[in-house]
Protein backbone atom coordinates (compact mmCIF):
# COMPACT_ATOMS: atom_id res chain seq x y z
CA MET A 1 94.22 91.22 125.20
CA VAL A 2 94.39 94.97 124.51
CA GLU A 3 98.18 94.74 124.23
CA ASP A 4 97.83 92.06 121.52
CA ALA A 5 95.45 94.26 119.53
CA GLU A 6 97.77 97.24 119.91
CA GLY A 7 100.74 95.15 118.80
CA THR A 8 98.83 93.90 115.77
CA ALA A 9 97.73 97.42 114.83
CA ARG A 10 101.28 98.73 115.31
CA ALA A 11 102.69 95.98 113.10
CA ALA A 12 100.08 96.63 110.39
CA LEU A 13 100.80 100.37 110.38
CA ALA A 14 104.55 99.76 110.27
CA ALA A 15 104.20 97.31 107.38
CA ARG A 16 102.07 99.76 105.40
CA LEU A 17 104.46 102.65 106.03
CA ASP A 18 107.45 100.55 105.00
CA THR A 19 105.65 99.39 101.85
CA LEU A 20 104.99 103.01 100.94
CA ARG A 21 108.61 103.94 101.60
CA GLU A 22 110.01 101.04 99.60
CA GLY A 23 107.63 101.75 96.73
CA SER A 24 108.81 105.33 96.56
CA GLY A 25 112.41 104.25 95.93
CA ARG A 26 113.61 106.93 98.34
CA THR A 27 115.73 106.62 101.45
CA TYR A 28 114.50 107.11 105.00
CA ALA A 29 116.53 110.31 105.22
CA SER A 30 115.16 111.73 101.97
CA LEU A 31 111.54 111.07 102.88
CA ALA A 32 112.00 112.12 106.48
CA ARG A 33 113.30 115.55 105.50
CA ARG A 34 110.25 116.09 103.31
CA ILE A 35 107.73 115.07 105.97
CA GLY A 36 109.39 116.94 108.82
CA VAL A 37 110.85 114.16 110.97
CA SER A 38 114.34 112.71 111.37
CA GLY A 39 115.49 109.70 109.39
CA SER A 40 115.75 107.64 112.56
CA THR A 41 112.21 108.59 113.57
CA LEU A 42 110.84 107.51 110.20
CA HIS A 43 112.79 104.26 110.48
CA ARG A 44 111.23 103.62 113.90
CA TYR A 45 107.75 104.22 112.42
CA CYS A 46 108.43 101.83 109.53
CA THR A 47 109.76 99.08 111.79
CA GLY A 48 107.04 99.41 114.41
CA ARG A 49 109.41 100.42 117.18
CA THR A 50 107.29 103.51 117.77
CA VAL A 51 104.01 104.97 116.58
CA PRO A 52 103.58 108.58 115.50
CA ALA A 53 101.96 110.70 118.21
CA GLU A 54 100.10 112.59 115.48
CA PHE A 55 98.62 111.47 112.18
CA ALA A 56 100.15 114.34 110.17
CA PRO A 57 103.51 112.63 109.39
CA VAL A 58 101.66 109.52 108.21
CA GLU A 59 99.45 111.62 105.94
CA ARG A 60 102.44 113.50 104.53
CA LEU A 61 104.33 110.25 103.90
CA ALA A 62 101.34 108.70 102.14
CA ARG A 63 100.91 111.75 99.90
CA LEU A 64 104.62 111.97 99.13
CA CYS A 65 104.76 108.28 98.23
CA GLY A 66 101.76 108.58 95.91
CA ALA A 67 99.17 106.68 97.95
CA SER A 68 95.63 107.12 96.70
CA ALA A 69 93.15 109.07 98.81
CA ALA A 70 91.44 105.78 99.71
CA ASP A 71 94.73 104.32 100.96
CA ARG A 72 95.50 107.35 103.10
């Protein structure tokens, strides 16, 4: 049961990150450089293959992509 909840949360986070990325019109590599991770790492976050160990990259991505404070 916990695994299902974790999978759902992971998928929701990935979908939101990918929506932010797509809305920015920038590439994975371009955004990744600006938030301090590799392009492949950002791609893994946006596809749900992995979850950031820290919240900081998510916050930086949200700010860079113009997310409102409420959405961050």
